[in-house]
Amino acid sequence: MRYGELKVWTEEWDGIPVIGAEGEVDLGTVAALRTTTSEVVRRKPDSIVFDLRKVTYIDSSGLGILLAARKQLGKGADSVIVISDQPAVLQSLKITGLDRVLRVQAEPAGLPTLT
């Protein structure tokens, strides 16, 4: 993966949609994450998991997508689960207070296993 690139994919863990990403989420790369998230949210799942363990940086445009997904699902903090152990991502979530609005955890422990 080259600097400034973002790879986005979807999968399911026991029927729960998972949006995975690798790289940096910023204004220049966020379109892929926005498009994928919109497609998943349109299906009206009970919850969405964002697997950001391979994301090394996320700016306000990426954080806005996480918050918008929660608002669109309208089902509380557990409707959007963010998995990340990346210091820069966790710091961004903490500084903005999103770690109190979204469910954030370092590993998928406690979530359904990959199917």
PDB file of N, CA and C in Angstrom:
ATOM      1  N   MET A   1       0.846  -1.170   0.000  1.00  0.00           N
ATOM      2  CA  MET A   1       0.000   0.000   0.000  1.00  0.00           C
ATOM      3  C   MET A   1       0.894   1.236   0.000  1.00  0.00           C
ATOM      4  N   ARG A   2       0.644   2.140  -0.914  1.00  0.00           N
ATOM      5  CA  ARG A   2       1.441   3.366  -1.009  1.00  0.00           C
ATOM      6  C   ARG A   2       0.865   4.458  -0.120  1.00  0.00           C
ATOM      7  N   TYR A   3       1.725   5.403   0.236  1.00  0.00           N
ATOM      8  CA  TYR A   3       1.329   6.544   1.036  1.00  0.00           C
ATOM      9  C   TYR A   3       0.133   7.244   0.386  1.00  0.00           C
ATOM     10  N   GLY A   4      -0.860   7.603   1.170  1.00  0.00           N
ATOM     11  CA  GLY A   4      -2.006   8.347   0.670  1.00  0.00           C
ATOM     12  C   GLY A   4      -3.068   7.497  -0.002  1.00  0.00           C
ATOM     13  N   GLU A   5      -2.976   6.179   0.135  1.00  0.00           N
ATOM     14  CA  GLU A   5      -3.979   5.299  -0.461  1.00  0.00           C
ATOM     15  C   GLU A   5      -4.873   4.719   0.634  1.00  0.00           C
ATOM     16  N   LEU A   6      -6.075   4.342   0.230  1.00  0.00           N
ATOM     17  CA  LEU A   6      -7.005   3.697   1.137  1.00  0.00           C
ATOM     18  C   LEU A   6      -7.668   2.539   0.414  1.00  0.00           C
ATOM     19  N   LYS A   7      -7.573   1.384   0.997  1.00  0.00           N
ATOM     20  CA  LYS A   7      -8.242   0.191   0.488  1.00  0.00           C
ATOM     21  C   LYS A   7      -9.447  -0.065   1.391  1.00  0.00           C
ATOM     22  N   VAL A   8     -10.615  -0.276   0.798  1.00  0.00           N
ATOM     23  CA  VAL A   8     -11.843  -0.501   1.563  1.00  0.00           C
ATOM     24  C   VAL A   8     -12.505  -1.775   1.053  1.00  0.00           C
ATOM     25  N   TRP A   9     -13.031  -2.580   1.961  1.00  0.00           N
ATOM     26  CA  TRP A   9     -13.727  -3.808   1.583  1.00  0.00           C
ATOM     27  C   TRP A   9     -14.868  -4.060   2.571  1.00  0.00           C
ATOM     28  N   THR A  10     -15.743  -4.983   2.207  1.00  0.00           N
ATOM     29  CA  THR A  10     -16.818  -5.391   3.112  1.00  0.00           C
ATOM     30  C   THR A  10     -16.784  -6.899   3.279  1.00  0.00           C
ATOM     31  N   GLU A  11     -17.244  -7.331   4.419  1.00  0.00           N
ATOM     32  CA  GLU A  11     -17.408  -8.748   4.725  1.00  0.00           C
ATOM     33  C   GLU A  11     -18.494  -8.846   5.783  1.00  0.00           C
ATOM     34  N   GLU A  12     -18.803 -10.041   6.236  1.00  0.00           N
ATOM     35  CA  GLU A  12     -19.794 -10.210   7.289  1.00  0.00           C
ATOM     36  C   GLU A  12     -19.255 -11.116   8.369  1.00  0.00           C
ATOM     37  N   TRP A  13     -19.585 -10.773   9.613  1.00  0.00           N
ATOM     38  CA  TRP A  13     -19.270 -11.615  10.767  1.00  0.00           C
ATOM     39  C   TRP A  13     -20.606 -12.015  11.360  1.00  0.00           C
ATOM     40  N   ASP A  14     -21.008 -13.249  11.179  1.00  0.00           N
ATOM     41  CA  ASP A  14     -22.307 -13.760  11.656  1.00  0.00           C
ATOM     42  C   ASP A  14     -23.463 -12.836  11.274  1.00  0.00           C
ATOM     43  N   GLY A  15     -23.482 -12.424  10.036  1.00  0.00           N
ATOM     44  CA  GLY A  15     -24.568 -11.591   9.531  1.00  0.00           C
ATOM     45  C   GLY A  15     -24.430 -10.110   9.815  1.00  0.00           C
ATOM     46  N   ILE A  16     -23.417  -9.706  10.541  1.00  0.00           N
ATOM     47  CA  ILE A  16     -23.180  -8.291  10.830  1.00  0.00           C
ATOM     48  C   ILE A  16     -22.247  -7.735   9.756  1.00  0.00           C
ATOM     49  N   PRO A  17     -22.658  -6.685   9.047  1.00  0.00           N
ATOM     50  CA  PRO A  17     -21.772  -6.125   8.028  1.00  0.00           C
ATOM     51  C   PRO A  17     -20.534  -5.487   8.653  1.00  0.00           C
ATOM     52  N   VAL A  18     -19.394  -5.778   8.043  1.00  0.00           N
ATOM     53  CA  VAL A  18     -18.116  -5.236   8.483  1.00  0.00           C
ATOM     54  C   VAL A  18     -17.505  -4.457   7.328  1.00  0.00           C
ATOM     55  N   ILE A  19     -17.137  -3.220   7.596  1.00  0.00           N
ATOM     56  CA  ILE A  19     -16.436  -2.398   6.620  1.00  0.00           C
ATOM     57  C   ILE A  19     -14.989  -2.313   7.087  1.00  0.00           C
ATOM     58  N   GLY A  20     -14.106  -2.878   6.312  1.00  0.00           N
ATOM     59  CA  GLY A  20     -12.691  -2.856   6.644  1.00  0.00           C
ATOM     60  C   GLY A  20     -11.965  -1.835   5.800  1.00  0.00           C
ATOM     61  N   ALA A  21     -10.889  -1.313   6.341  1.00  0.00           N
ATOM     62  CA  ALA A  21     -10.093  -0.335   5.604  1.00  0.00           C
ATOM     63  C   ALA A  21      -8.632  -0.494   5.964  1.00  0.00           C
ATOM     64  N   GLU A  22      -7.790  -0.114   5.013  1.00  0.00           N
ATOM     65  CA  GLU A  22      -6.345  -0.136   5.210  1.00  0.00           C
ATOM     66  C   GLU A  22      -5.750   1.101   4.564  1.00  0.00           C
ATOM     67  N   GLY A  23      -4.925   1.816   5.314  1.00  0.00           N
ATOM     68  CA  GLY A  23      -4.269   3.013   4.790  1.00  0.00           C
ATOM     69  C   GLY A  23      -4.620   4.226   5.621  1.00  0.00           C
ATOM     70  N   GLU A  24      -4.751   5.359   4.957  1.00  0.00           N
ATOM     71  CA  GLU A  24      -5.066   6.625   5.617  1.00  0.00           C
ATOM     72  C   GLU A  24      -6.418   7.136   5.153  1.00  0.00           C
ATOM     73  N   VAL A  25      -7.242   7.552   6.117  1.00  0.00           N
ATOM     74  CA  VAL A  25      -8.552   8.129   5.801  1.00  0.00           C
ATOM     75  C   VAL A  25      -8.422   9.636   5.947  1.00  0.00           C
ATOM     76  N   ASP A  26      -8.470  10.320   4.815  1.00  0.00           N
ATOM     77  CA  ASP A  26      -8.411  11.783   4.828  1.00  0.00           C
ATOM     78  C   ASP A  26      -9.236  12.311   3.661  1.00  0.00           C
ATOM     79  N   LEU A  27      -9.234  13.595   3.496  1.00  0.00           N
ATOM     80  CA  LEU A  27     -10.061  14.225   2.465  1.00  0.00           C
ATOM     81  C   LEU A  27      -9.795  13.656   1.074  1.00  0.00           C
ATOM     82  N   GLY A  28      -8.562  13.268   0.810  1.00  0.00           N
ATOM     83  CA  GLY A  28      -8.208  12.739  -0.502  1.00  0.00           C
ATOM     84  C   GLY A  28      -8.606  11.300  -0.741  1.00  0.00           C
ATOM     85  N   THR A  29      -8.873  10.551   0.335  1.00  0.00           N
ATOM     86  CA  THR A  29      -9.181   9.127   0.181  1.00  0.00           C
ATOM     87  C   THR A  29     -10.557   8.731   0.688  1.00  0.00           C
ATOM     88  N   VAL A  30     -11.248   9.631   1.341  1.00  0.00           N
ATOM     89  CA  VAL A  30     -12.470   9.301   2.060  1.00  0.00           C
ATOM     90  C   VAL A  30     -13.629   8.861   1.155  1.00  0.00           C
ATOM     91  N   ALA A  31     -13.600   9.177  -0.114  1.00  0.00           N
ATOM     92  CA  ALA A  31     -14.717   8.852  -1.005  1.00  0.00           C
ATOM     93  C   ALA A  31     -15.017   7.352  -1.027  1.00  0.00           C
ATOM     94  N   ALA A  32     -13.992   6.527  -1.030  1.00  0.00           N
ATOM     95  CA  ALA A  32     -14.205   5.076  -1.055  1.00  0.00           C
ATOM     96  C   ALA A  32     -14.920   4.611   0.208  1.00  0.00           C
ATOM     97  N   LEU A  33     -14.524   5.141   1.355  1.00  0.00           N
ATOM     98  CA  LEU A  33     -15.170   4.765   2.609  1.00  0.00           C
ATOM     99  C   LEU A  33     -16.608   5.284   2.650  1.00  0.00           C
ATOM    100  N   ARG A  34     -16.830   6.477   2.166  1.00  0.00           N
ATOM    101  CA  ARG A  34     -18.172   7.060   2.149  1.00  0.00           C
ATOM    102  C   ARG A  34     -19.117   6.233   1.272  1.00  0.00           C
ATOM    103  N   THR A  35     -18.657   5.869   0.088  1.00  0.00           N
ATOM    104  CA  THR A  35     -19.490   5.089  -0.837  1.00  0.00           C
ATOM    105  C   THR A  35     -19.845   3.736  -0.244  1.00  0.00           C
ATOM    106  N   THR A  36     -18.857   3.050   0.286  1.00  0.00           N
ATOM    107  CA  THR A  36     -19.090   1.728   0.868  1.00  0.00           C
ATOM    108  C   THR A  36     -20.028   1.815   2.068  1.00  0.00           C
ATOM    109  N   THR A  37     -19.812   2.796   2.925  1.00  0.00           N
ATOM    110  CA  THR A  37     -20.670   2.958   4.095  1.00  0.00           C
ATOM    111  C   THR A  37     -22.105   3.253   3.685  1.00  0.00           C
ATOM    112  N   SER A  38     -22.298   4.100   2.698  1.00  0.00           N
ATOM    113  CA  SER A  38     -23.652   4.413   2.217  1.00  0.00           C
ATOM    114  C   SER A  38     -24.365   3.164   1.720  1.00  0.00           C
ATOM    115  N   GLU A  39     -23.641   2.329   0.993  1.00  0.00           N
ATOM    116  CA  GLU A  39     -24.231   1.092   0.481  1.00  0.00           C
ATOM    117  C   GLU A  39     -24.657   0.164   1.616  1.00  0.00           C
ATOM    118  N   VAL A  40     -23.834   0.062   2.632  1.00  0.00           N
ATOM    119  CA  VAL A  40     -24.153  -0.813   3.764  1.00  0.00           C
ATOM    120  C   VAL A  40     -25.304  -0.233   4.586  1.00  0.00           C
ATOM    121  N   VAL A  41     -25.291   1.056   4.873  1.00  0.00           N
ATOM    122  CA  VAL A  41     -26.336   1.684   5.682  1.00  0.00           C
ATOM    123  C   VAL A  41     -27.701   1.578   4.996  1.00  0.00           C
ATOM    124  N   ARG A  42     -27.735   1.642   3.678  1.00  0.00           N
ATOM    125  CA  ARG A  42     -29.009   1.530   2.942  1.00  0.00           C
ATOM    126  C   ARG A  42     -29.732   0.214   3.224  1.00  0.00           C
ATOM    127  N   ARG A  43     -28.984  -0.802   3.604  1.00  0.00           N
ATOM    128  CA  ARG A  43     -29.590  -2.112   3.911  1.00  0.00           C
ATOM    129  C   ARG A  43     -30.222  -2.131   5.298  1.00  0.00           C
ATOM    130  N   LYS A  44     -30.041  -1.063   6.082  1.00  0.00           N
ATOM    131  CA  LYS A  44     -30.617  -0.908   7.423  1.00  0.00           C
ATOM    132  C   LYS A  44     -30.269  -2.055   8.373  1.00  0.00           C
ATOM    133  N   PRO A  45     -28.981  -2.368   8.521  1.00  0.00           N
ATOM    134  CA  PRO A  45     -28.612  -3.415   9.478  1.00  0.00           C
ATOM    135  C   PRO A  45     -28.806  -2.918  10.917  1.00  0.00           C
ATOM    136  N   ASP A  46     -28.847  -3.845  11.856  1.00  0.00           N
ATOM    137  CA  ASP A  46     -28.940  -3.453  13.267  1.00  0.00           C
ATOM    138  C   ASP A  46     -27.664  -2.772  13.724  1.00  0.00           C
ATOM    139  N   SER A  47     -26.530  -3.219  13.175  1.00  0.00           N
ATOM    140  CA  SER A  47     -25.254  -2.615  13.537  1.00  0.00           C
ATOM    141  C   SER A  47     -24.261  -2.786  12.392  1.00  0.00           C
ATOM    142  N   ILE A  48     -23.212  -1.974  12.453  1.00  0.00           N
ATOM    143  CA  ILE A  48     -22.111  -2.031  11.485  1.00  0.00           C
ATOM    144  C   ILE A  48     -20.812  -2.034  12.277  1.00  0.00           C
ATOM    145  N   VAL A  49     -19.887  -2.867  11.836  1.00  0.00           N
ATOM    146  CA  VAL A  49     -18.552  -2.872  12.414  1.00  0.00           C
ATOM    147  C   VAL A  49     -17.601  -2.201  11.423  1.00  0.00           C
ATOM    148  N   PHE A  50     -16.832  -1.239  11.900  1.00  0.00           N
ATOM    149  CA  PHE A  50     -15.754  -0.648  11.116  1.00  0.00           C
ATOM    150  C   PHE A  50     -14.453  -1.245  11.638  1.00  0.00           C
ATOM    151  N   ASP A  51     -13.808  -2.069  10.827  1.00  0.00           N
ATOM    152  CA  ASP A  51     -12.537  -2.670  11.204  1.00  0.00           C
ATOM    153  C   ASP A  51     -11.421  -1.751  10.710  1.00  0.00           C
ATOM    154  N   LEU A  52     -10.916  -0.936  11.608  1.00  0.00           N
ATOM    155  CA  LEU A  52      -9.906   0.065  11.261  1.00  0.00           C
ATOM    156  C   LEU A  52      -8.531  -0.289  11.830  1.00  0.00           C
ATOM    157  N   ARG A  53      -8.294  -1.564  12.080  1.00  0.00           N
ATOM    158  CA  ARG A  53      -7.006  -1.977  12.649  1.00  0.00           C
ATOM    159  C   ARG A  53      -5.837  -1.724  11.708  1.00  0.00           C
ATOM    160  N   LYS A  54      -6.112  -1.564  10.405  1.00  0.00           N
ATOM    161  CA  LYS A  54      -5.045  -1.300   9.440  1.00  0.00           C
ATOM    162  C   LYS A  54      -5.058   0.150   8.954  1.00  0.00           C
ATOM    163  N   VAL A  55      -5.850   0.982   9.604  1.00  0.00           N
ATOM    164  CA  VAL A  55      -5.897   2.413   9.272  1.00  0.00           C
ATOM    165  C   VAL A  55      -4.911   3.126  10.195  1.00  0.00           C
ATOM    166  N   THR A  56      -3.970   3.831   9.599  1.00  0.00           N
ATOM    167  CA  THR A  56      -2.933   4.491  10.392  1.00  0.00           C
ATOM    168  C   THR A  56      -3.254   5.944  10.729  1.00  0.00           C
ATOM    169  N   TYR A  57      -4.269   6.510  10.057  1.00  0.00           N
ATOM    170  CA  TYR A  57      -4.628   7.914  10.278  1.00  0.00           C
ATOM    171  C   TYR A  57      -6.066   8.105   9.845  1.00  0.00           C
ATOM    172  N   ILE A  58      -6.817   8.905  10.603  1.00  0.00           N
ATOM    173  CA  ILE A  58      -8.181   9.263  10.207  1.00  0.00           C
ATOM    174  C   ILE A  58      -8.412  10.727  10.569  1.00  0.00           C
ATOM    175  N   ASP A  59      -8.913  11.498   9.599  1.00  0.00           N
ATOM    176  CA  ASP A  59      -9.178  12.911   9.871  1.00  0.00           C
ATOM    177  C   ASP A  59     -10.676  13.122  10.084  1.00  0.00           C
ATOM    178  N   SER A  60     -11.086  14.370  10.171  1.00  0.00           N
ATOM    179  CA  SER A  60     -12.481  14.695  10.467  1.00  0.00           C
ATOM    180  C   SER A  60     -13.446  14.197   9.390  1.00  0.00           C
ATOM    181  N   SER A  61     -12.990  14.095   8.153  1.00  0.00           N
ATOM    182  CA  SER A  61     -13.892  13.596   7.107  1.00  0.00           C
ATOM    183  C   SER A  61     -14.228  12.123   7.354  1.00  0.00           C
ATOM    184  N   GLY A  62     -13.269  11.353   7.799  1.00  0.00           N
ATOM    185  CA  GLY A  62     -13.518   9.950   8.121  1.00  0.00           C
ATOM    186  C   GLY A  62     -14.340   9.793   9.380  1.00  0.00           C
ATOM    187  N   LEU A  63     -14.033  10.600  10.393  1.00  0.00           N
ATOM    188  CA  LEU A  63     -14.809  10.557  11.627  1.00  0.00           C
ATOM    189  C   LEU A  63     -16.268  10.930  11.368  1.00  0.00           C
ATOM    190  N   GLY A  64     -16.472  11.872  10.450  1.00  0.00           N
ATOM    191  CA  GLY A  64     -17.834  12.265  10.083  1.00  0.00           C
ATOM    192  C   GLY A  64     -18.633  11.118   9.490  1.00  0.00           C
ATOM    193  N   ILE A  65     -17.972  10.243   8.757  1.00  0.00           N
ATOM    194  CA  ILE A  65     -18.655   9.082   8.183  1.00  0.00           C
ATOM    195  C   ILE A  65     -19.113   8.132   9.289  1.00  0.00           C
ATOM    196  N   LEU A  66     -18.262   7.918  10.282  1.00  0.00           N
ATOM    197  CA  LEU A  66     -18.636   7.050  11.401  1.00  0.00           C
ATOM    198  C   LEU A  66     -19.853   7.610  12.142  1.00  0.00           C
ATOM    199  N   LEU A  67     -19.826   8.902  12.409  1.00  0.00           N
ATOM    200  CA  LEU A  67     -20.933   9.539  13.113  1.00  0.00           C
ATOM    201  C   LEU A  67     -22.208   9.540  12.269  1.00  0.00           C
ATOM    202  N   ALA A  68     -22.080   9.804  10.977  1.00  0.00           N
ATOM    203  CA  ALA A  68     -23.247   9.801  10.093  1.00  0.00           C
ATOM    204  C   ALA A  68     -23.880   8.414  10.035  1.00  0.00           C
ATOM    205  N   ALA A  69     -23.063   7.375  10.027  1.00  0.00           N
ATOM    206  CA  ALA A  69     -23.606   6.007  10.011  1.00  0.00           C
ATOM    207  C   ALA A  69     -24.427   5.758  11.269  1.00  0.00           C
ATOM    208  N   ARG A  70     -23.923   6.202  12.407  1.00  0.00           N
ATOM    209  CA  ARG A  70     -24.666   6.021  13.660  1.00  0.00           C
ATOM    210  C   ARG A  70     -25.986   6.776  13.623  1.00  0.00           C
ATOM    211  N   LYS A  71     -25.956   8.001  13.146  1.00  0.00           N
ATOM    212  CA  LYS A  71     -27.182   8.797  13.072  1.00  0.00           C
ATOM    213  C   LYS A  71     -28.188   8.168  12.111  1.00  0.00           C
ATOM    214  N   GLN A  72     -27.705   7.666  10.978  1.00  0.00           N
ATOM    215  CA  GLN A  72     -28.608   7.068   9.991  1.00  0.00           C
ATOM    216  C   GLN A  72     -29.224   5.777  10.511  1.00  0.00           C
ATOM    217  N   LEU A  73     -28.459   4.995  11.254  1.00  0.00           N
ATOM    218  CA  LEU A  73     -29.007   3.762  11.826  1.00  0.00           C
ATOM    219  C   LEU A  73     -29.929   4.067  13.001  1.00  0.00           C
ATOM    220  N   GLY A  74     -29.603   5.123  13.755  1.00  0.00           N
ATOM    221  CA  GLY A  74     -30.461   5.587  14.838  1.00  0.00           C
ATOM    222  C   GLY A  74     -30.752   4.569  15.913  1.00  0.00           C
ATOM    223  N   LYS A  75     -29.782   3.741  16.236  1.00  0.00           N
ATOM    224  CA  LYS A  75     -30.046   2.667  17.192  1.00  0.00           C
ATOM    225  C   LYS A  75     -29.101   2.679  18.387  1.00  0.00           C
ATOM    226  N   GLY A  76     -28.506   3.790  18.706  1.00  0.00           N
ATOM    227  CA  GLY A  76     -27.647   3.877  19.883  1.00  0.00           C
ATOM    228  C   GLY A  76     -26.189   3.587  19.610  1.00  0.00           C
ATOM    229  N   ALA A  77     -25.404   3.648  20.674  1.00  0.00           N
ATOM    230  CA  ALA A  77     -23.949   3.539  20.571  1.00  0.00           C
ATOM    231  C   ALA A  77     -23.491   2.208  19.990  1.00  0.00           C
ATOM    232  N   ASP A  78     -24.202   1.114  20.284  1.00  0.00           N
ATOM    233  CA  ASP A  78     -23.779  -0.187  19.788  1.00  0.00           C
ATOM    234  C   ASP A  78     -24.131  -0.419  18.316  1.00  0.00           C
ATOM    235  N   SER A  79     -24.772   0.535  17.683  1.00  0.00           N
ATOM    236  CA  SER A  79     -25.097   0.353  16.261  1.00  0.00           C
ATOM    237  C   SER A  79     -23.858   0.529  15.387  1.00  0.00           C
ATOM    238  N   VAL A  80     -22.865   1.262  15.865  1.00  0.00           N
ATOM    239  CA  VAL A  80     -21.598   1.410  15.144  1.00  0.00           C
ATOM    240  C   VAL A  80     -20.474   1.010  16.089  1.00  0.00           C
ATOM    241  N   ILE A  81     -19.753  -0.027  15.690  1.00  0.00           N
ATOM    242  CA  ILE A  81     -18.648  -0.553  16.482  1.00  0.00           C
ATOM    243  C   ILE A  81     -17.364  -0.306  15.702  1.00  0.00           C
ATOM    244  N   VAL A  82     -16.414   0.343  16.326  1.00  0.00           N
ATOM    245  CA  VAL A  82     -15.132   0.641  15.697  1.00  0.00           C
ATOM    246  C   VAL A  82     -14.068  -0.226  16.358  1.00  0.00           C
ATOM    247  N   ILE A  83     -13.369  -0.998  15.540  1.00  0.00           N
ATOM    248  CA  ILE A  83     -12.273  -1.818  16.042  1.00  0.00           C
ATOM    249  C   ILE A  83     -10.973  -1.199  15.555  1.00  0.00           C
ATOM    250  N   SER A  84     -10.140  -0.795  16.510  1.00  0.00           N
ATOM    251  CA  SER A  84      -8.842  -0.224  16.155  1.00  0.00           C
ATOM    252  C   SER A  84      -7.906  -0.292  17.348  1.00  0.00           C
ATOM    253  N   ASP A  85      -6.654  -0.590  17.044  1.00  0.00           N
ATOM    254  CA  ASP A  85      -5.607  -0.518  18.055  1.00  0.00           C
ATOM    255  C   ASP A  85      -4.535   0.487  17.621  1.00  0.00           C
ATOM    256  N   GLN A  86      -4.851   1.269  16.602  1.00  0.00           N
ATOM    257  CA  GLN A  86      -3.917   2.246  16.059  1.00  0.00           C
ATOM    258  C   GLN A  86      -3.941   3.529  16.896  1.00  0.00           C
ATOM    259  N   PRO A  87      -2.810   3.932  17.454  1.00  0.00           N
ATOM    260  CA  PRO A  87      -2.765   5.107  18.331  1.00  0.00           C
ATOM    261  C   PRO A  87      -3.352   6.382  17.705  1.00  0.00           C
ATOM    262  N   ALA A  88      -3.052   6.647  16.446  1.00  0.00           N
ATOM    263  CA  ALA A  88      -3.547   7.881  15.820  1.00  0.00           C
ATOM    264  C   ALA A  88      -5.066   7.861  15.672  1.00  0.00           C
ATOM    265  N   VAL A  89      -5.624   6.714  15.350  1.00  0.00           N
ATOM    266  CA  VAL A  89      -7.079   6.586  15.205  1.00  0.00           C
ATOM    267  C   VAL A  89      -7.746   6.726  16.573  1.00  0.00           C
ATOM    268  N   LEU A  90      -7.216   6.024  17.569  1.00  0.00           N
ATOM    269  CA  LEU A  90      -7.783   6.105  18.915  1.00  0.00           C
ATOM    270  C   LEU A  90      -7.700   7.517  19.471  1.00  0.00           C
ATOM    271  N   GLN A  91      -6.608   8.203  19.199  1.00  0.00           N
ATOM    272  CA  GLN A  91      -6.443   9.590  19.655  1.00  0.00           C
ATOM    273  C   GLN A  91      -7.487  10.501  19.012  1.00  0.00           C
ATOM    274  N   SER A  92      -7.720  10.328  17.715  1.00  0.00           N
ATOM    275  CA  SER A  92      -8.734  11.141  17.029  1.00  0.00           C
ATOM    276  C   SER A  92     -10.126  10.893  17.608  1.00  0.00           C
ATOM    277  N   LEU A  93     -10.434   9.647  17.892  1.00  0.00           N
ATOM    278  CA  LEU A  93     -11.735   9.313  18.487  1.00  0.00           C
ATOM    279  C   LEU A  93     -11.868   9.919  19.883  1.00  0.00           C
ATOM    280  N   LYS A  94     -10.790   9.888  20.641  1.00  0.00           N
ATOM    281  CA  LYS A  94     -10.824  10.427  22.002  1.00  0.00           C
ATOM    282  C   LYS A  94     -10.930  11.949  22.015  1.00  0.00           C
ATOM    283  N   ILE A  95     -10.111  12.605  21.198  1.00  0.00           N
ATOM    284  CA  ILE A  95     -10.109  14.073  21.156  1.00  0.00           C
ATOM    285  C   ILE A  95     -11.483  14.626  20.782  1.00  0.00           C
ATOM    286  N   THR A  96     -12.150  13.957  19.857  1.00  0.00           N
ATOM    287  CA  THR A  96     -13.451  14.425  19.386  1.00  0.00           C
ATOM    288  C   THR A  96     -14.612  13.963  20.254  1.00  0.00           C
ATOM    289  N   GLY A  97     -14.337  13.057  21.186  1.00  0.00           N
ATOM    290  CA  GLY A  97     -15.400  12.532  22.034  1.00  0.00           C
ATOM    291  C   GLY A  97     -16.190  11.401  21.401  1.00  0.00           C
ATOM    292  N   LEU A  98     -15.812  11.006  20.215  1.00  0.00           N
ATOM    293  CA  LEU A  98     -16.541   9.920  19.557  1.00  0.00           C
ATOM    294  C   LEU A  98     -16.354   8.580  20.254  1.00  0.00           C
ATOM    295  N   ASP A  99     -15.314   8.467  21.061  1.00  0.00           N
ATOM    296  CA  ASP A  99     -15.125   7.229  21.822  1.00  0.00           C
ATOM    297  C   ASP A  99     -16.210   7.059  22.881  1.00  0.00           C
ATOM    298  N   ARG A 100     -16.965   8.125  23.164  1.00  0.00           N
ATOM    299  CA  ARG A 100     -18.084   8.047  24.103  1.00  0.00           C
ATOM    300  C   ARG A 100     -19.417   7.888  23.391  1.00  0.00           C
ATOM    301  N   VAL A 101     -19.428   8.099  22.081  1.00  0.00           N
ATOM    302  CA  VAL A 101     -20.660   8.020  21.298  1.00  0.00           C
ATOM    303  C   VAL A 101     -20.746   6.707  20.524  1.00  0.00           C
ATOM    304  N   LEU A 102     -19.585   6.185  20.148  1.00  0.00           N
ATOM    305  CA  LEU A 102     -19.506   4.935  19.409  1.00  0.00           C
ATOM    306  C   LEU A 102     -18.883   3.869  20.310  1.00  0.00           C
ATOM    307  N   ARG A 103     -19.153   2.629  20.007  1.00  0.00           N
ATOM    308  CA  ARG A 103     -18.482   1.538  20.738  1.00  0.00           C
ATOM    309  C   ARG A 103     -17.115   1.333  20.103  1.00  0.00           C
ATOM    310  N   VAL A 104     -16.053   1.552  20.871  1.00  0.00           N
ATOM    311  CA  VAL A 104     -14.683   1.440  20.363  1.00  0.00           C
ATOM    312  C   VAL A 104     -13.969   0.360  21.154  1.00  0.00           C
ATOM    313  N   GLN A 105     -13.334  -0.551  20.429  1.00  0.00           N
ATOM    314  CA  GLN A 105     -12.548  -1.590  21.090  1.00  0.00           C
ATOM    315  C   GLN A 105     -11.344  -1.953  20.236  1.00  0.00           C
ATOM    316  N   ALA A 106     -10.314  -2.475  20.888  1.00  0.00           N
ATOM    317  CA  ALA A 106      -9.040  -2.757  20.212  1.00  0.00           C
ATOM    318  C   ALA A 106      -9.070  -4.021  19.372  1.00  0.00           C
ATOM    319  N   GLU A 107      -9.923  -4.977  19.745  1.00  0.00           N
ATOM    320  CA  GLU A 107      -9.983  -6.265  19.056  1.00  0.00           C
ATOM    321  C   GLU A 107     -11.439  -6.649  18.829  1.00  0.00           C
ATOM    322  N   PRO A 108     -11.656  -7.616  17.933  1.00  0.00           N
ATOM    323  CA  PRO A 108     -13.030  -8.063  17.729  1.00  0.00           C
ATOM    324  C   PRO A 108     -13.539  -8.999  18.820  1.00  0.00           C
ATOM    325  N   ALA A 109     -12.798  -9.167  19.915  1.00  0.00           N
ATOM    326  CA  ALA A 109     -13.249 -10.025  21.009  1.00  0.00           C
ATOM    327  C   ALA A 109     -14.640  -9.589  21.467  1.00  0.00           C
ATOM    328  N   GLY A 110     -15.480 -10.559  21.674  1.00  0.00           N
ATOM    329  CA  GLY A 110     -16.839 -10.252  22.082  1.00  0.00           C
ATOM    330  C   GLY A 110     -17.775 -10.032  20.918  1.00  0.00           C
ATOM    331  N   LEU A 111     -17.242  -9.996  19.720  1.00  0.00           N
ATOM    332  CA  LEU A 111     -18.056  -9.868  18.523  1.00  0.00           C
ATOM    333  C   LEU A 111     -18.128 -11.229  17.844  1.00  0.00           C
ATOM    334  N   PRO A 112     -19.095 -11.427  16.978  1.00  0.00           N
ATOM    335  CA  PRO A 112     -19.150 -12.688  16.248  1.00  0.00           C
ATOM    336  C   PRO A 112     -17.858 -12.930  15.449  1.00  0.00           C
ATOM    337  N   THR A 113     -17.493 -14.163  15.294  1.00  0.00           N
ATOM    338  CA  THR A 113     -16.282 -14.486  14.536  1.00  0.00           C
ATOM    339  C   THR A 113     -16.525 -14.347  13.050  1.00  0.00           C
ATOM    340  N   LEU A 114     -15.443 -14.175  12.330  1.00  0.00           N
ATOM    341  CA  LEU A 114     -15.499 -14.037  10.884  1.00  0.00           C
ATOM    342  C   LEU A 114     -16.096 -15.294  10.276  1.00  0.00           C
ATOM    343  N   THR A 115     -17.093 -15.113   9.420  1.00  0.00           N
ATOM    344  CA  THR A 115     -17.733 -16.264   8.765  1.00  0.00           C
ATOM    345  C   THR A 115     -17.245 -16.407   7.355  1.00  0.00           C
TER     346      THR A 115
END
